[in-house]
Amino acid sequence: ILTLVPRLPFRNGGKWGDTRVELPDGRWRNQFTGQTFKREAPLQDIWARFPVALMARDQ
């Protein structure tokens, strides 16, 4: 399980540009939105629908 939460979301206006998070091997599903990601995921995509993410590795 991984939790991704922006530290200062209002300071940058929610614009993450090309900032990415490197995920451990496997396919990861955001439990809040159902989106799936592999390896390297753009924060802009992870937080596009909801301001935090709870990621669980898909089996």
C-alpha atoms as a PDB file:
ATOM      1  CA  ILE A   1       0.000   0.000   0.000  1.00  0.00           C
ATOM      2  CA  LEU A   2       1.258   3.484  -0.895  1.00  0.00           C
ATOM      3  CA  THR A   3      -0.304   6.775   0.120  1.00  0.00           C
ATOM      4  CA  LEU A   4       0.416   9.837  -2.012  1.00  0.00           C
ATOM      5  CA  VAL A   5      -0.517  13.219  -0.589  1.00  0.00           C
ATOM      6  CA  PRO A   6       0.658  16.614  -1.852  1.00  0.00           C
ATOM      7  CA  ARG A   7       2.522  18.562   0.812  1.00  0.00           C
ATOM      8  CA  LEU A   8       1.660  22.079  -0.348  1.00  0.00           C
ATOM      9  CA  PRO A   9      -1.060  21.698  -3.004  1.00  0.00           C
ATOM     10  CA  PHE A  10      -2.084  25.354  -3.094  1.00  0.00           C
ATOM     11  CA  ARG A  11       1.411  26.775  -3.390  1.00  0.00           C
ATOM     12  CA  ASN A  12       1.824  25.544  -6.958  1.00  0.00           C
ATOM     13  CA  GLY A  13      -1.835  25.827  -7.929  1.00  0.00           C
ATOM     14  CA  GLY A  14      -2.125  22.078  -8.475  1.00  0.00           C
ATOM     15  CA  LYS A  15       0.218  22.225 -11.455  1.00  0.00           C
ATOM     16  CA  TRP A  16       2.660  19.353 -11.268  1.00  0.00           C
ATOM     17  CA  GLY A  17       4.146  19.675 -14.745  1.00  0.00           C
ATOM     18  CA  ASP A  18       6.218  16.619 -15.581  1.00  0.00           C
ATOM     19  CA  THR A  19       6.811  15.620 -11.937  1.00  0.00           C
ATOM     20  CA  ARG A  20       6.577  11.847 -11.596  1.00  0.00           C
ATOM     21  CA  VAL A  21       6.642   9.282  -8.832  1.00  0.00           C
ATOM     22  CA  GLU A  22       8.559   6.043  -9.288  1.00  0.00           C
ATOM     23  CA  LEU A  23       6.455   3.086  -8.166  1.00  0.00           C
ATOM     24  CA  PRO A  24       7.788  -0.326  -7.123  1.00  0.00           C
ATOM     25  CA  ASP A  25       7.502  -3.138  -9.678  1.00  0.00           C
ATOM     26  CA  GLY A  26       4.016  -4.265 -10.578  1.00  0.00           C
ATOM     27  CA  ARG A  27       0.730  -2.657 -11.488  1.00  0.00           C
ATOM     28  CA  TRP A  28      -0.719  -0.229  -8.946  1.00  0.00           C
ATOM     29  CA  ARG A  29      -4.381   0.761  -8.612  1.00  0.00           C
ATOM     30  CA  ASN A  30      -5.579   3.988  -7.034  1.00  0.00           C
ATOM     31  CA  GLN A  31      -8.272   2.733  -4.667  1.00  0.00           C
ATOM     32  CA  PHE A  32     -10.163   6.041  -4.800  1.00  0.00           C
ATOM     33  CA  THR A  33     -10.379   6.394  -8.593  1.00  0.00           C
ATOM     34  CA  GLY A  34      -9.697   2.944 -10.062  1.00  0.00           C
ATOM     35  CA  GLN A  35      -6.854   4.280 -12.229  1.00  0.00           C
ATOM     36  CA  THR A  36      -3.901   1.943 -12.743  1.00  0.00           C
ATOM     37  CA  PHE A  37      -0.230   2.833 -13.096  1.00  0.00           C
ATOM     38  CA  LYS A  38       3.064   1.038 -13.704  1.00  0.00           C
ATOM     39  CA  ARG A  39       6.637   1.957 -12.778  1.00  0.00           C
ATOM     40  CA  GLU A  40       6.652   5.734 -13.232  1.00  0.00           C
ATOM     41  CA  ALA A  41       3.471   7.774 -12.934  1.00  0.00           C
ATOM     42  CA  PRO A  42       2.876  11.505 -13.468  1.00  0.00           C
ATOM     43  CA  LEU A  43       1.541  13.186 -10.330  1.00  0.00           C
ATOM     44  CA  GLN A  44      -0.703  15.288 -12.535  1.00  0.00           C
ATOM     45  CA  ASP A  45      -2.485  12.081 -13.638  1.00  0.00           C
ATOM     46  CA  ILE A  46      -2.570  10.522 -10.174  1.00  0.00           C
ATOM     47  CA  TRP A  47      -4.202  13.588  -8.594  1.00  0.00           C
ATOM     48  CA  ALA A  48      -6.367  14.608 -11.587  1.00  0.00           C
ATOM     49  CA  ARG A  49      -9.620  13.273 -10.083  1.00  0.00           C
ATOM     50  CA  PHE A  50      -8.953  13.320  -6.336  1.00  0.00           C
ATOM     51  CA  PRO A  51      -6.345  15.240  -4.282  1.00  0.00           C
ATOM     52  CA  VAL A  52      -4.861  12.162  -2.559  1.00  0.00           C
ATOM     53  CA  ALA A  53      -4.142   8.613  -3.695  1.00  0.00           C
ATOM     54  CA  LEU A  54      -4.215   5.266  -1.938  1.00  0.00           C
ATOM     55  CA  MET A  55      -2.302   2.882  -4.173  1.00  0.00           C
ATOM     56  CA  ALA A  56      -2.483  -0.902  -3.827  1.00  0.00           C
ATOM     57  CA  ARG A  57      -0.600  -3.412  -5.932  1.00  0.00           C
ATOM     58  CA  ASP A  58      -2.917  -5.367  -8.256  1.00  0.00           C
ATOM     59  CA  GLN A  59      -2.721  -9.126  -7.895  1.00  0.00           C
END
